[in-house]
N, C-alpha and C. Protein backbone atom coordinates (compact mmCIF):
# COMPACT_ATOMS: atom_id res chain seq x y z
N MET A 1 -18.65 -8.28 3.11
CA MET A 1 -17.22 -8.15 3.02
C MET A 1 -16.78 -8.02 1.56
N TRP A 2 -17.29 -8.90 0.69
CA TRP A 2 -16.92 -8.85 -0.72
C TRP A 2 -17.34 -7.53 -1.34
N ARG A 3 -18.53 -7.05 -0.95
CA ARG A 3 -19.03 -5.80 -1.50
C ARG A 3 -18.06 -4.66 -1.19
N GLY A 4 -17.53 -4.63 0.03
CA GLY A 4 -16.56 -3.61 0.42
C GLY A 4 -15.27 -3.69 -0.38
N LEU A 5 -14.81 -4.91 -0.62
CA LEU A 5 -13.58 -5.08 -1.41
C LEU A 5 -13.78 -4.64 -2.85
N VAL A 6 -14.91 -4.98 -3.41
CA VAL A 6 -15.21 -4.58 -4.79
C VAL A 6 -15.30 -3.07 -4.88
N LEU A 7 -15.99 -2.44 -3.92
CA LEU A 7 -16.12 -0.99 -3.91
C LEU A 7 -14.75 -0.33 -3.79
N ALA A 8 -13.91 -0.83 -2.91
CA ALA A 8 -12.56 -0.27 -2.75
C ALA A 8 -11.76 -0.39 -4.04
N ALA A 9 -11.86 -1.53 -4.70
CA ALA A 9 -11.14 -1.72 -5.96
C ALA A 9 -11.65 -0.76 -7.02
N LEU A 10 -12.95 -0.59 -7.11
CA LEU A 10 -13.52 0.33 -8.10
C LEU A 10 -13.11 1.77 -7.82
N LEU A 11 -13.11 2.16 -6.56
CA LEU A 11 -12.68 3.52 -6.21
C LEU A 11 -11.23 3.73 -6.61
N GLY A 12 -10.39 2.76 -6.34
CA GLY A 12 -8.99 2.88 -6.71
C GLY A 12 -8.81 3.00 -8.21
N LEU A 13 -9.51 2.19 -8.97
CA LEU A 13 -9.39 2.26 -10.43
C LEU A 13 -9.95 3.55 -10.98
N ALA A 14 -11.08 4.00 -10.45
CA ALA A 14 -11.67 5.25 -10.93
C ALA A 14 -10.75 6.42 -10.63
N GLY A 15 -10.15 6.42 -9.45
CA GLY A 15 -9.24 7.50 -9.10
C GLY A 15 -8.01 7.51 -9.97
N GLN A 16 -7.51 6.33 -10.29
CA GLN A 16 -6.33 6.25 -11.14
C GLN A 16 -6.63 6.77 -12.53
N ALA A 17 -7.75 6.40 -13.08
CA ALA A 17 -8.09 6.82 -14.44
C ALA A 17 -8.27 8.33 -14.52
N ARG A 18 -8.84 8.91 -13.51
CA ARG A 18 -9.10 10.35 -13.53
C ARG A 18 -7.88 11.17 -13.15
N ALA A 19 -6.97 10.61 -12.38
CA ALA A 19 -5.85 11.40 -11.87
C ALA A 19 -5.03 12.01 -12.99
N GLN A 20 -4.73 11.25 -14.00
CA GLN A 20 -3.91 11.77 -15.09
C GLN A 20 -4.58 12.93 -15.80
N ALA A 21 -5.89 12.97 -15.79
CA ALA A 21 -6.62 14.02 -16.51
C ALA A 21 -6.40 15.40 -15.92
N TYR A 22 -6.17 15.50 -14.64
CA TYR A 22 -6.02 16.82 -14.04
C TYR A 22 -4.60 17.14 -13.58
N VAL A 23 -3.68 16.24 -13.81
CA VAL A 23 -2.27 16.53 -13.56
C VAL A 23 -1.75 17.26 -14.80
N THR A 24 -1.00 18.33 -14.58
CA THR A 24 -0.48 19.12 -15.69
C THR A 24 0.26 18.22 -16.70
N PRO A 25 0.12 18.51 -17.98
CA PRO A 25 0.78 17.66 -18.99
C PRO A 25 2.29 17.50 -18.77
N ILE A 26 2.95 18.51 -18.21
CA ILE A 26 4.39 18.37 -18.00
C ILE A 26 4.72 17.32 -16.94
N CYS A 27 3.74 16.98 -16.08
CA CYS A 27 3.97 16.00 -15.02
C CYS A 27 3.44 14.61 -15.34
N ARG A 28 2.61 14.47 -16.32
CA ARG A 28 1.93 13.19 -16.55
C ARG A 28 2.89 12.01 -16.72
N ALA A 29 4.01 12.24 -17.35
CA ALA A 29 4.96 11.15 -17.55
C ALA A 29 5.66 10.73 -16.25
N TYR A 30 5.58 11.59 -15.23
CA TYR A 30 6.31 11.33 -13.98
C TYR A 30 5.41 10.96 -12.81
N VAL A 31 4.11 10.98 -13.02
CA VAL A 31 3.17 10.61 -11.97
C VAL A 31 2.66 9.22 -12.29
N SER A 32 3.01 8.28 -11.46
CA SER A 32 2.72 6.87 -11.72
C SER A 32 1.36 6.46 -11.17
N ASP A 33 0.54 5.89 -12.02
CA ASP A 33 -0.73 5.35 -11.58
C ASP A 33 -0.55 4.23 -10.57
N ALA A 34 0.58 3.54 -10.63
CA ALA A 34 0.83 2.43 -9.71
C ALA A 34 0.88 2.91 -8.27
N ASN A 35 1.21 4.19 -8.05
CA ASN A 35 1.32 4.74 -6.70
C ASN A 35 0.02 5.32 -6.18
N LEU A 36 -1.03 5.32 -6.97
CA LEU A 36 -2.29 5.93 -6.57
C LEU A 36 -3.18 4.93 -5.86
N ARG A 37 -3.40 5.17 -4.59
CA ARG A 37 -4.30 4.34 -3.79
C ARG A 37 -5.17 5.30 -2.98
N PHE A 38 -6.45 5.34 -3.31
CA PHE A 38 -7.36 6.26 -2.64
C PHE A 38 -8.20 5.52 -1.61
N ASP A 39 -8.47 6.20 -0.49
CA ASP A 39 -9.26 5.63 0.59
C ASP A 39 -10.76 5.70 0.29
N SER A 40 -11.16 6.69 -0.50
CA SER A 40 -12.59 6.92 -0.76
C SER A 40 -12.74 7.84 -1.97
N ALA A 41 -13.98 8.02 -2.39
CA ALA A 41 -14.25 8.96 -3.48
C ALA A 41 -13.91 10.38 -3.04
N GLU A 42 -14.11 10.68 -1.78
CA GLU A 42 -13.77 12.01 -1.26
C GLU A 42 -12.26 12.25 -1.35
N HIS A 43 -11.49 11.24 -1.08
CA HIS A 43 -10.04 11.32 -1.18
C HIS A 43 -9.64 11.71 -2.62
N VAL A 44 -10.29 11.10 -3.60
CA VAL A 44 -10.02 11.41 -5.00
C VAL A 44 -10.33 12.89 -5.28
N ARG A 45 -11.46 13.37 -4.77
CA ARG A 45 -11.86 14.77 -5.02
C ARG A 45 -10.87 15.76 -4.40
N TRP A 46 -10.40 15.46 -3.18
CA TRP A 46 -9.43 16.36 -2.56
C TRP A 46 -8.08 16.30 -3.27
N TYR A 47 -7.72 15.13 -3.79
CA TYR A 47 -6.48 15.00 -4.56
C TYR A 47 -6.56 15.88 -5.81
N LYS A 48 -7.71 15.87 -6.45
CA LYS A 48 -7.91 16.73 -7.62
C LYS A 48 -7.80 18.20 -7.20
N ARG A 49 -8.35 18.54 -6.04
CA ARG A 49 -8.27 19.92 -5.52
C ARG A 49 -6.81 20.33 -5.35
N PHE A 50 -5.99 19.44 -4.85
CA PHE A 50 -4.56 19.70 -4.64
C PHE A 50 -3.88 20.08 -5.96
N TRP A 51 -4.16 19.34 -7.02
CA TRP A 51 -3.52 19.59 -8.31
C TRP A 51 -4.12 20.78 -9.06
N THR A 52 -5.44 20.99 -8.96
CA THR A 52 -6.11 21.98 -9.82
C THR A 52 -6.66 23.21 -9.10
N GLY A 53 -6.91 23.10 -7.81
CA GLY A 53 -7.53 24.21 -7.09
C GLY A 53 -9.04 24.23 -7.21
N GLN A 54 -9.62 23.28 -7.90
CA GLN A 54 -11.06 23.24 -8.11
C GLN A 54 -11.72 22.33 -7.09
N CYS A 55 -12.81 22.82 -6.50
CA CYS A 55 -13.51 22.07 -5.47
C CYS A 55 -14.66 21.21 -5.98
N GLY A 56 -15.22 21.54 -7.12
CA GLY A 56 -16.40 20.82 -7.56
C GLY A 56 -17.53 21.07 -6.59
N GLN A 57 -18.17 20.03 -6.12
CA GLN A 57 -19.30 20.13 -5.21
C GLN A 57 -18.93 19.80 -3.76
N MET A 58 -17.65 19.87 -3.41
CA MET A 58 -17.23 19.50 -2.05
C MET A 58 -17.60 20.58 -1.05
N LEU A 59 -18.09 20.14 0.08
CA LEU A 59 -18.38 21.04 1.18
C LEU A 59 -17.08 21.38 1.89
N ALA A 60 -17.03 22.52 2.53
CA ALA A 60 -15.87 22.94 3.32
C ALA A 60 -14.60 23.03 2.48
N CYS A 61 -14.74 23.31 1.21
CA CYS A 61 -13.59 23.43 0.32
C CYS A 61 -13.58 24.82 -0.28
N LEU A 62 -12.42 25.44 -0.22
CA LEU A 62 -12.25 26.75 -0.85
C LEU A 62 -11.35 26.57 -2.07
N PRO A 63 -11.83 26.97 -3.24
CA PRO A 63 -10.97 26.86 -4.42
C PRO A 63 -9.82 27.85 -4.31
N GLY A 64 -8.77 27.60 -5.00
CA GLY A 64 -7.68 28.56 -4.96
C GLY A 64 -6.38 28.05 -5.51
N SER A 65 -5.38 28.88 -5.29
CA SER A 65 -4.05 28.59 -5.79
C SER A 65 -3.04 29.08 -4.76
N PRO A 66 -1.82 28.70 -4.87
CA PRO A 66 -1.25 27.94 -5.97
C PRO A 66 -1.62 26.48 -5.87
N THR A 67 -1.69 25.85 -7.00
CA THR A 67 -1.93 24.42 -7.08
C THR A 67 -0.59 23.74 -7.34
N TRP A 68 -0.55 22.43 -7.21
CA TRP A 68 0.72 21.78 -7.50
C TRP A 68 1.04 21.86 -8.99
N ASN A 69 0.03 21.92 -9.83
CA ASN A 69 0.28 22.15 -11.26
C ASN A 69 1.04 23.46 -11.45
N ASP A 70 0.61 24.51 -10.75
CA ASP A 70 1.27 25.83 -10.84
C ASP A 70 2.70 25.76 -10.29
N ILE A 71 2.83 25.12 -9.14
CA ILE A 71 4.13 25.05 -8.48
C ILE A 71 5.15 24.30 -9.35
N ALA A 72 4.75 23.18 -9.92
CA ALA A 72 5.66 22.41 -10.77
C ALA A 72 6.10 23.24 -11.97
N ALA A 73 5.16 23.93 -12.60
CA ALA A 73 5.49 24.76 -13.77
C ALA A 73 6.45 25.89 -13.39
N ARG A 74 6.20 26.52 -12.24
CA ARG A 74 7.09 27.62 -11.80
C ARG A 74 8.49 27.12 -11.48
N LEU A 75 8.57 25.97 -10.82
CA LEU A 75 9.89 25.41 -10.50
C LEU A 75 10.70 25.15 -11.76
N VAL A 76 10.07 24.55 -12.74
CA VAL A 76 10.78 24.25 -13.98
C VAL A 76 11.19 25.54 -14.68
N ALA A 77 10.31 26.52 -14.68
CA ALA A 77 10.63 27.80 -15.32
C ALA A 77 11.78 28.52 -14.61
N ARG A 78 11.85 28.39 -13.29
CA ARG A 78 12.92 29.04 -12.51
C ARG A 78 14.27 28.35 -12.67
N GLY A 79 14.23 27.07 -12.99
CA GLY A 79 15.47 26.32 -13.09
C GLY A 79 16.26 26.66 -14.33
N ALA A 80 17.55 26.53 -14.21
CA ALA A 80 18.44 26.70 -15.37
C ALA A 80 18.18 25.54 -16.33
N PRO A 81 18.44 25.73 -17.60
CA PRO A 81 18.20 24.64 -18.56
C PRO A 81 18.83 23.31 -18.14
N ALA A 82 20.00 23.35 -17.56
CA ALA A 82 20.66 22.11 -17.14
C ALA A 82 19.95 21.46 -15.94
N GLN A 83 19.22 22.24 -15.15
CA GLN A 83 18.53 21.72 -13.97
C GLN A 83 17.17 21.11 -14.32
N ARG A 84 16.57 21.54 -15.40
CA ARG A 84 15.19 21.16 -15.71
C ARG A 84 14.95 19.66 -15.81
N PRO A 85 15.87 18.90 -16.42
CA PRO A 85 15.61 17.45 -16.48
C PRO A 85 15.51 16.79 -15.10
N ALA A 86 16.20 17.31 -14.11
CA ALA A 86 16.12 16.77 -12.76
C ALA A 86 14.95 17.35 -11.98
N LEU A 87 14.65 18.62 -12.23
CA LEU A 87 13.57 19.28 -11.50
C LEU A 87 12.21 18.67 -11.78
N LEU A 88 11.92 18.43 -13.02
CA LEU A 88 10.59 18.00 -13.41
C LEU A 88 10.16 16.68 -12.77
N PRO A 89 10.91 15.60 -12.91
CA PRO A 89 10.45 14.36 -12.28
C PRO A 89 10.39 14.45 -10.76
N THR A 90 11.30 15.19 -10.16
CA THR A 90 11.30 15.33 -8.71
C THR A 90 10.09 16.11 -8.25
N ALA A 91 9.83 17.25 -8.88
CA ALA A 91 8.68 18.08 -8.51
C ALA A 91 7.36 17.34 -8.70
N CYS A 92 7.24 16.63 -9.80
CA CYS A 92 5.99 15.92 -10.10
C CYS A 92 5.77 14.74 -9.15
N GLY A 93 6.81 13.95 -8.94
CA GLY A 93 6.71 12.82 -8.02
C GLY A 93 6.45 13.26 -6.60
N LEU A 94 7.10 14.33 -6.19
CA LEU A 94 6.88 14.86 -4.85
C LEU A 94 5.46 15.38 -4.72
N GLY A 95 4.97 16.02 -5.76
CA GLY A 95 3.58 16.48 -5.75
C GLY A 95 2.60 15.34 -5.54
N GLN A 96 2.86 14.22 -6.18
CA GLN A 96 1.99 13.07 -6.01
C GLN A 96 2.02 12.58 -4.56
N ARG A 97 3.20 12.49 -3.98
CA ARG A 97 3.32 12.02 -2.58
C ARG A 97 2.62 12.97 -1.62
N ILE A 98 2.88 14.27 -1.79
CA ILE A 98 2.27 15.26 -0.91
C ILE A 98 0.76 15.25 -1.09
N GLY A 99 0.32 15.29 -2.33
CA GLY A 99 -1.11 15.36 -2.61
C GLY A 99 -1.89 14.17 -2.10
N LEU A 100 -1.35 12.98 -2.28
CA LEU A 100 -2.05 11.78 -1.81
C LEU A 100 -2.21 11.79 -0.29
N GLU A 101 -1.22 12.28 0.41
CA GLU A 101 -1.31 12.32 1.87
C GLU A 101 -2.18 13.48 2.34
N TRP A 102 -1.98 14.67 1.80
CA TRP A 102 -2.76 15.85 2.21
C TRP A 102 -4.25 15.65 1.96
N SER A 103 -4.60 14.96 0.91
CA SER A 103 -6.01 14.81 0.54
C SER A 103 -6.75 13.73 1.33
N ARG A 104 -6.05 13.05 2.20
CA ARG A 104 -6.70 12.02 3.02
C ARG A 104 -7.55 12.67 4.09
N GLU A 105 -8.39 11.87 4.70
CA GLU A 105 -9.31 12.34 5.74
C GLU A 105 -8.54 12.86 6.96
N HIS A 106 -9.07 13.91 7.58
CA HIS A 106 -8.48 14.43 8.82
C HIS A 106 -8.43 13.30 9.85
N GLY A 107 -7.42 13.30 10.66
CA GLY A 107 -7.24 12.24 11.65
C GLY A 107 -6.47 11.06 11.10
N VAL A 108 -6.29 11.00 9.79
CA VAL A 108 -5.54 9.93 9.15
C VAL A 108 -4.31 10.52 8.47
N ARG A 109 -4.48 11.70 7.89
CA ARG A 109 -3.41 12.31 7.11
C ARG A 109 -2.27 12.80 8.00
N ARG A 110 -1.09 12.87 7.42
CA ARG A 110 0.09 13.34 8.15
C ARG A 110 0.65 14.63 7.56
N ILE A 111 0.03 15.13 6.49
CA ILE A 111 0.41 16.41 5.90
C ILE A 111 -0.83 17.30 5.90
N THR A 112 -0.70 18.47 6.46
CA THR A 112 -1.81 19.40 6.60
C THR A 112 -1.66 20.59 5.64
N THR A 113 -2.68 21.43 5.63
CA THR A 113 -2.61 22.66 4.83
C THR A 113 -1.50 23.57 5.33
N ALA A 114 -1.28 23.60 6.63
CA ALA A 114 -0.17 24.40 7.18
C ALA A 114 1.17 23.88 6.64
N ASP A 115 1.29 22.57 6.49
CA ASP A 115 2.51 22.00 5.91
C ASP A 115 2.68 22.44 4.47
N LEU A 116 1.58 22.48 3.71
CA LEU A 116 1.66 22.94 2.32
C LEU A 116 2.21 24.36 2.26
N ARG A 117 1.77 25.21 3.17
CA ARG A 117 2.29 26.59 3.23
C ARG A 117 3.78 26.60 3.55
N ARG A 118 4.18 25.75 4.47
CA ARG A 118 5.60 25.66 4.84
C ARG A 118 6.43 25.18 3.66
N TYR A 119 5.94 24.20 2.92
CA TYR A 119 6.66 23.72 1.74
C TYR A 119 6.81 24.84 0.71
N ARG A 120 5.75 25.58 0.52
CA ARG A 120 5.80 26.68 -0.45
C ARG A 120 6.84 27.71 -0.04
N THR A 121 6.89 28.02 1.25
CA THR A 121 7.88 28.97 1.76
C THR A 121 9.30 28.45 1.51
N LEU A 122 9.50 27.16 1.73
CA LEU A 122 10.82 26.57 1.47
C LEU A 122 11.19 26.68 -0.01
N LEU A 123 10.24 26.42 -0.89
CA LEU A 123 10.50 26.48 -2.33
C LEU A 123 10.78 27.90 -2.80
N GLU A 124 9.97 28.82 -2.34
CA GLU A 124 10.10 30.20 -2.79
C GLU A 124 11.24 30.95 -2.10
N GLY A 125 11.66 30.44 -0.94
CA GLY A 125 12.70 31.11 -0.18
C GLY A 125 14.11 30.78 -0.62
N ASP A 126 14.24 29.90 -1.56
CA ASP A 126 15.57 29.50 -2.02
C ASP A 126 15.73 29.90 -3.47
N ALA A 127 16.78 30.62 -3.77
CA ALA A 127 17.04 31.05 -5.15
C ALA A 127 17.32 29.87 -6.07
N ASP A 128 17.80 28.77 -5.51
CA ASP A 128 18.10 27.58 -6.30
C ASP A 128 16.92 26.61 -6.17
N PRO A 129 16.15 26.42 -7.24
CA PRO A 129 14.97 25.55 -7.14
C PRO A 129 15.30 24.09 -6.82
N VAL A 130 16.46 23.61 -7.23
CA VAL A 130 16.85 22.24 -6.91
C VAL A 130 17.07 22.10 -5.41
N ARG A 131 17.76 23.06 -4.83
CA ARG A 131 18.01 23.03 -3.38
C ARG A 131 16.70 23.20 -2.60
N GLY A 132 15.84 24.09 -3.05
CA GLY A 132 14.54 24.28 -2.40
C GLY A 132 13.71 23.02 -2.45
N LEU A 133 13.72 22.35 -3.57
CA LEU A 133 12.97 21.11 -3.72
C LEU A 133 13.54 20.02 -2.81
N ALA A 134 14.86 19.97 -2.68
CA ALA A 134 15.49 19.01 -1.77
C ALA A 134 15.09 19.29 -0.33
N ARG A 135 14.96 20.55 0.03
CA ARG A 135 14.53 20.89 1.39
C ARG A 135 13.09 20.44 1.63
N VAL A 136 12.26 20.61 0.63
CA VAL A 136 10.87 20.16 0.76
C VAL A 136 10.82 18.64 0.86
N GLU A 137 11.61 17.95 0.07
CA GLU A 137 11.66 16.48 0.14
C GLU A 137 12.02 16.02 1.55
N SER A 138 13.00 16.67 2.16
CA SER A 138 13.40 16.32 3.53
C SER A 138 12.27 16.58 4.52
N ALA A 139 11.60 17.71 4.36
CA ALA A 139 10.48 18.05 5.24
C ALA A 139 9.35 17.03 5.09
N VAL A 140 9.05 16.65 3.86
CA VAL A 140 7.98 15.68 3.62
C VAL A 140 8.34 14.33 4.26
N GLU A 141 9.58 13.90 4.09
CA GLU A 141 10.00 12.63 4.71
C GLU A 141 9.80 12.67 6.22
N ALA A 142 10.17 13.77 6.85
CA ALA A 142 9.99 13.90 8.30
C ALA A 142 8.51 13.94 8.66
N ASP A 143 7.72 14.66 7.89
CA ASP A 143 6.29 14.78 8.18
C ASP A 143 5.57 13.44 8.03
N LEU A 144 5.99 12.63 7.09
CA LEU A 144 5.34 11.34 6.88
C LEU A 144 5.66 10.34 7.99
N LYS A 145 6.66 10.64 8.80
CA LYS A 145 7.01 9.76 9.92
C LYS A 145 6.27 10.12 11.20
N ARG A 146 5.62 11.25 11.23
CA ARG A 146 4.93 11.69 12.45
C ARG A 146 3.51 11.09 12.50
N PRO A 147 2.88 11.18 13.66
CA PRO A 147 1.51 10.65 13.78
C PRO A 147 0.54 11.49 12.93
N PRO A 148 -0.61 10.91 12.60
CA PRO A 148 -1.60 11.65 11.81
C PRO A 148 -1.98 12.97 12.47
N GLN A 149 -2.28 13.97 11.62
CA GLN A 149 -2.63 15.31 12.08
C GLN A 149 -4.13 15.51 12.00
N ARG A 150 -4.66 16.21 12.94
CA ARG A 150 -6.11 16.50 12.97
C ARG A 150 -6.37 17.89 12.48
């Protein structure tokens, strides 16, 4: 029992230390290590995939984009100068919430790859990035209330 607790604590700490390294510099100030709780080392690797598009040595993983690093940068670039201070923390914090859930094991997670596509459509389909981000926030809240997806 103790061995399992120690391993879980070490996985959580290792994931926290590494998470900031692959989150885009514009988001690092808005992604809180206090909110990072990983279920396993695999969870950490998929979380990194979400932010960077890189698979490393993971099986059944396809590298690609857009990544949340890309999405956050595009949202900020699309926003008017007056919108940027609000866009950045919202986009980065939302990325952390989405990524932590999406990267969990199948059968446990409540956000799927299909949901990521839907969120992207919501973001890109609205000329106002603040409004698009608000729509994604609402969708994420609803998705997190549903049963786990397989």
